[in-house]
PDB file of N, CA and C in Angstrom:
ATOM      1  N   MET A   1       2.047  17.695 -25.974  1.00  0.00           N
ATOM      2  CA  MET A   1       3.236  17.755 -25.040  1.00  0.00           C
ATOM      3  C   MET A   1       2.995  16.374 -24.477  1.00  0.00           C
ATOM      4  N   PRO A   2       4.106  15.596 -24.302  1.00  0.00           N
ATOM      5  CA  PRO A   2       3.904  14.252 -23.439  1.00  0.00           C
ATOM      6  C   PRO A   2       3.566  14.591 -22.022  1.00  0.00           C
ATOM      7  N   ALA A   3       3.027  13.532 -21.550  1.00  0.00           N
ATOM      8  CA  ALA A   3       2.639  13.710 -20.160  1.00  0.00           C
ATOM      9  C   ALA A   3       3.732  13.747 -19.286  1.00  0.00           C
ATOM     10  N   THR A   4       3.669  14.428 -17.975  1.00  0.00           N
ATOM     11  CA  THR A   4       4.431  14.483 -16.860  1.00  0.00           C
ATOM     12  C   THR A   4       3.835  13.844 -15.711  1.00  0.00           C
ATOM     13  N   LEU A   5       4.537  13.195 -14.892  1.00  0.00           N
ATOM     14  CA  LEU A   5       4.188  12.506 -13.695  1.00  0.00           C
ATOM     15  C   LEU A   5       5.126  12.945 -12.494  1.00  0.00           C
ATOM     16  N   GLU A   6       4.716  13.877 -11.610  1.00  0.00           N
ATOM     17  CA  GLU A   6       5.471  14.185 -10.325  1.00  0.00           C
ATOM     18  C   GLU A   6       5.253  13.449  -9.336  1.00  0.00           C
ATOM     19  N   VAL A   7       6.121  12.702  -8.619  1.00  0.00           N
ATOM     20  CA  VAL A   7       6.087  11.625  -7.723  1.00  0.00           C
ATOM     21  C   VAL A   7       6.897  12.046  -6.463  1.00  0.00           C
ATOM     22  N   LYS A   8       6.404  11.769  -5.284  1.00  0.00           N
ATOM     23  CA  LYS A   8       7.070  11.748  -4.005  1.00  0.00           C
ATOM     24  C   LYS A   8       7.178  10.467  -3.402  1.00  0.00           C
ATOM     25  N   CYS A   9       8.269  10.041  -2.689  1.00  0.00           N
ATOM     26  CA  CYS A   9       8.246   9.034  -1.982  1.00  0.00           C
ATOM     27  C   CYS A   9       7.996   9.192  -0.343  1.00  0.00           C
ATOM     28  N   THR A  10       6.919   8.298   0.160  1.00  0.00           N
ATOM     29  CA  THR A  10       6.707   8.654   1.386  1.00  0.00           C
ATOM     30  C   THR A  10       7.360   7.691   2.572  1.00  0.00           C
ATOM     31  N   ASN A  11       8.307   6.960   2.042  1.00  0.00           N
ATOM     32  CA  ASN A  11       9.058   6.200   2.835  1.00  0.00           C
ATOM     33  C   ASN A  11       9.984   6.965   3.661  1.00  0.00           C
ATOM     34  N   ASP A  12       9.758   7.030   5.098  1.00  0.00           N
ATOM     35  CA  ASP A  12      10.707   7.848   6.031  1.00  0.00           C
ATOM     36  C   ASP A  12      12.115   7.362   5.885  1.00  0.00           C
ATOM     37  N   GLU A  13      12.388   6.358   5.672  1.00  0.00           N
ATOM     38  CA  GLU A  13      13.934   6.048   5.539  1.00  0.00           C
ATOM     39  C   GLU A  13      14.500   6.173   4.229  1.00  0.00           C
ATOM     40  N   CYS A  14      13.816   6.809   3.306  1.00  0.00           N
ATOM     41  CA  CYS A  14      14.195   7.188   2.004  1.00  0.00           C
ATOM     42  C   CYS A  14      14.687   8.570   1.948  1.00  0.00           C
ATOM     43  N   GLU A  15      15.889   8.708   1.266  1.00  0.00           N
ATOM     44  CA  GLU A  15      16.293  10.015   0.985  1.00  0.00           C
ATOM     45  C   GLU A  15      15.683  10.819  -0.221  1.00  0.00           C
ATOM     46  N   MET A  16      14.915   9.980  -1.050  1.00  0.00           N
ATOM     47  CA  MET A  16      14.336  10.655  -2.341  1.00  0.00           C
ATOM     48  C   MET A  16      13.106  11.629  -1.891  1.00  0.00           C
ATOM     49  N   ASP A  17      13.156  12.749  -2.191  1.00  0.00           N
ATOM     50  CA  ASP A  17      12.169  13.749  -1.625  1.00  0.00           C
ATOM     51  C   ASP A  17      10.971  13.568  -2.804  1.00  0.00           C
ATOM     52  N   MET A  18      11.516  14.006  -4.104  1.00  0.00           N
ATOM     53  CA  MET A  18      10.489  13.888  -5.202  1.00  0.00           C
ATOM     54  C   MET A  18      11.114  13.857  -6.485  1.00  0.00           C
ATOM     55  N   PHE A  19      10.381  13.226  -7.506  1.00  0.00           N
ATOM     56  CA  PHE A  19      11.021  13.299  -8.786  1.00  0.00           C
ATOM     57  C   PHE A  19      10.063  13.416  -9.816  1.00  0.00           C
ATOM     58  N   GLU A  20      10.512  13.613 -11.103  1.00  0.00           N
ATOM     59  CA  GLU A  20       9.471  14.058 -12.273  1.00  0.00           C
ATOM     60  C   GLU A  20       9.784  12.827 -13.354  1.00  0.00           C
ATOM     61  N   MET A  21       8.800  12.424 -13.635  1.00  0.00           N
ATOM     62  CA  MET A  21       8.926  11.382 -14.941  1.00  0.00           C
ATOM     63  C   MET A  21       8.184  12.093 -16.138  1.00  0.00           C
ATOM     64  N   HIS A  22       8.869  12.193 -17.282  1.00  0.00           N
ATOM     65  CA  HIS A  22       8.458  12.483 -18.381  1.00  0.00           C
ATOM     66  C   HIS A  22       8.381  11.472 -19.540  1.00  0.00           C
ATOM     67  N   TYR A  23       7.155  11.117 -20.059  1.00  0.00           N
ATOM     68  CA  TYR A  23       7.087   9.924 -21.126  1.00  0.00           C
ATOM     69  C   TYR A  23       6.557  10.233 -22.253  1.00  0.00           C
ATOM     70  N   THR A  24       6.801   9.380 -23.307  1.00  0.00           N
ATOM     71  CA  THR A  24       6.350   9.480 -24.622  1.00  0.00           C
ATOM     72  C   THR A  24       4.815   9.499 -24.875  1.00  0.00           C
ATOM     73  N   TYR A  25       4.427   9.878 -26.052  1.00  0.00           N
ATOM     74  CA  TYR A  25       3.059   9.601 -26.344  1.00  0.00           C
ATOM     75  C   TYR A  25       2.612   8.192 -26.492  1.00  0.00           C
ATOM     76  N   ASP A  26       3.621   7.321 -26.659  1.00  0.00           N
ATOM     77  CA  ASP A  26       3.288   5.869 -26.670  1.00  0.00           C
ATOM     78  C   ASP A  26       3.020   5.223 -25.442  1.00  0.00           C
ATOM     79  N   MET A  27       3.082   5.934 -24.491  1.00  0.00           N
ATOM     80  CA  MET A  27       2.843   5.203 -23.084  1.00  0.00           C
ATOM     81  C   MET A  27       1.242   5.001 -22.994  1.00  0.00           C
ATOM     82  N   PRO A  28       0.798   3.796 -22.476  1.00  0.00           N
ATOM     83  CA  PRO A  28      -0.668   3.717 -22.305  1.00  0.00           C
ATOM     84  C   PRO A  28      -1.423   4.716 -21.421  1.00  0.00           C
ATOM     85  N   ASP A  29      -2.541   4.798 -21.609  1.00  0.00           N
ATOM     86  CA  ASP A  29      -3.372   6.090 -20.928  1.00  0.00           C
ATOM     87  C   ASP A  29      -3.593   5.439 -19.586  1.00  0.00           C
ATOM     88  N   ASP A  30      -3.616   4.238 -19.307  1.00  0.00           N
ATOM     89  CA  ASP A  30      -3.898   3.735 -17.784  1.00  0.00           C
ATOM     90  C   ASP A  30      -2.591   3.639 -16.948  1.00  0.00           C
ATOM     91  N   VAL A  31      -1.602   4.011 -17.506  1.00  0.00           N
ATOM     92  CA  VAL A  31      -0.332   3.918 -16.627  1.00  0.00           C
ATOM     93  C   VAL A  31      -0.344   5.024 -15.588  1.00  0.00           C
ATOM     94  N   GLY A  32      -0.137   4.616 -14.296  1.00  0.00           N
ATOM     95  CA  GLY A  32      -0.013   5.586 -13.292  1.00  0.00           C
ATOM     96  C   GLY A  32       1.122   5.362 -12.267  1.00  0.00           C
ATOM     97  N   VAL A  33       1.084   5.970 -11.096  1.00  0.00           N
ATOM     98  CA  VAL A  33       2.374   5.918 -10.364  1.00  0.00           C
ATOM     99  C   VAL A  33       2.328   4.457  -9.583  1.00  0.00           C
ATOM    100  N   SER A  34       1.356   3.705  -9.489  1.00  0.00           N
ATOM    101  CA  SER A  34       1.558   2.227  -9.138  1.00  0.00           C
ATOM    102  C   SER A  34       2.255   1.397 -10.122  1.00  0.00           C
ATOM    103  N   ASP A  35       2.464   1.758 -11.258  1.00  0.00           N
ATOM    104  CA  ASP A  35       3.511   0.864 -12.149  1.00  0.00           C
ATOM    105  C   ASP A  35       4.866   1.368 -12.002  1.00  0.00           C
ATOM    106  N   PHE A  36       5.282   2.143 -11.250  1.00  0.00           N
ATOM    107  CA  PHE A  36       6.763   2.548 -10.932  1.00  0.00           C
ATOM    108  C   PHE A  36       7.261   2.097  -9.588  1.00  0.00           C
ATOM    109  N   GLN A  37       8.478   2.169  -9.451  1.00  0.00           N
ATOM    110  CA  GLN A  37       9.119   2.169  -8.166  1.00  0.00           C
ATOM    111  C   GLN A  37      10.003   3.127  -7.863  1.00  0.00           C
ATOM    112  N   CYS A  38      10.316   3.506  -6.504  1.00  0.00           N
ATOM    113  CA  CYS A  38      11.329   4.489  -6.085  1.00  0.00           C
ATOM    114  C   CYS A  38      12.795   4.241  -6.739  1.00  0.00           C
ATOM    115  N   PRO A  39      13.240   5.097  -7.473  1.00  0.00           N
ATOM    116  CA  PRO A  39      14.573   4.801  -7.991  1.00  0.00           C
ATOM    117  C   PRO A  39      15.751   4.826  -6.819  1.00  0.00           C
ATOM    118  N   TYR A  40      15.377   5.144  -5.734  1.00  0.00           N
ATOM    119  CA  TYR A  40      16.405   5.274  -4.551  1.00  0.00           C
ATOM    120  C   TYR A  40      16.126   4.039  -3.654  1.00  0.00           C
ATOM    121  N   CYS A  41      14.973   3.909  -3.135  1.00  0.00           N
ATOM    122  CA  CYS A  41      14.811   2.806  -2.185  1.00  0.00           C
ATOM    123  C   CYS A  41      14.042   1.603  -2.755  1.00  0.00           C
ATOM    124  N   GLY A  42      13.595   1.695  -3.931  1.00  0.00           N
ATOM    125  CA  GLY A  42      13.053   0.597  -4.681  1.00  0.00           C
ATOM    126  C   GLY A  42      11.533   0.356  -4.190  1.00  0.00           C
ATOM    127  N   GLY A  43      10.851   0.875  -3.360  1.00  0.00           N
ATOM    128  CA  GLY A  43       9.737   0.784  -2.724  1.00  0.00           C
ATOM    129  C   GLY A  43       8.593   1.217  -3.941  1.00  0.00           C
ATOM    130  N   THR A  44       7.492   0.314  -3.998  1.00  0.00           N
ATOM    131  CA  THR A  44       6.375   0.702  -4.907  1.00  0.00           C
ATOM    132  C   THR A  44       5.092   1.352  -4.082  1.00  0.00           C
ATOM    133  N   ASP A  45       4.849   0.778  -2.783  1.00  0.00           N
ATOM    134  CA  ASP A  45       3.631   1.052  -2.208  1.00  0.00           C
ATOM    135  C   ASP A  45       3.888   2.457  -1.578  1.00  0.00           C
ATOM    136  N   CYS A  46       5.044   3.035  -1.555  1.00  0.00           N
ATOM    137  CA  CYS A  46       5.333   4.395  -0.787  1.00  0.00           C
ATOM    138  C   CYS A  46       5.321   5.466  -1.760  1.00  0.00           C
ATOM    139  N   LEU A  47       5.058   5.207  -3.085  1.00  0.00           N
ATOM    140  CA  LEU A  47       5.009   6.314  -3.914  1.00  0.00           C
ATOM    141  C   LEU A  47       3.662   6.975  -4.216  1.00  0.00           C
ATOM    142  N   ARG A  48       3.663   8.299  -4.058  1.00  0.00           N
ATOM    143  CA  ARG A  48       2.277   9.107  -4.215  1.00  0.00           C
ATOM    144  C   ARG A  48       2.514  10.273  -5.308  1.00  0.00           C
ATOM    145  N   GLU A  49       1.576  10.309  -6.205  1.00  0.00           N
ATOM    146  CA  GLU A  49       1.444  11.414  -7.182  1.00  0.00           C
ATOM    147  C   GLU A  49       1.273  12.832  -6.408  1.00  0.00           C
ATOM    148  N   ILE A  50       2.057  13.708  -7.004  1.00  0.00           N
ATOM    149  CA  ILE A  50       1.864  15.039  -6.423  1.00  0.00           C
ATOM    150  C   ILE A  50       1.052  15.883  -7.290  1.00  0.00           C
ATOM    151  N   GLU A  51      -0.212  16.125  -6.763  1.00  0.00           N
ATOM    152  CA  GLU A  51      -1.118  17.002  -7.659  1.00  0.00           C
ATOM    153  C   GLU A  51      -0.994  18.388  -7.416  1.00  0.00           C
ATOM    154  N   LEU A  52      -0.916  19.065  -8.643  1.00  0.00           N
ATOM    155  CA  LEU A  52      -0.697  20.566  -8.456  1.00  0.00           C
ATOM    156  C   LEU A  52      -1.826  21.253  -8.589  1.00  0.00           C
TER     157      LEU A  52
END
């Protein structure tokens, strides 16, 4: 099963609560939340991985 990354945006001015990314087996193992930006506000330092 491909990896799933659940992410929340901690920017108080952003309306994005959380989102989930599903990516293929071809994604490098060292890819993490710091490699992405919020699809709503565009922030990068405000993203945090949701650990279940």
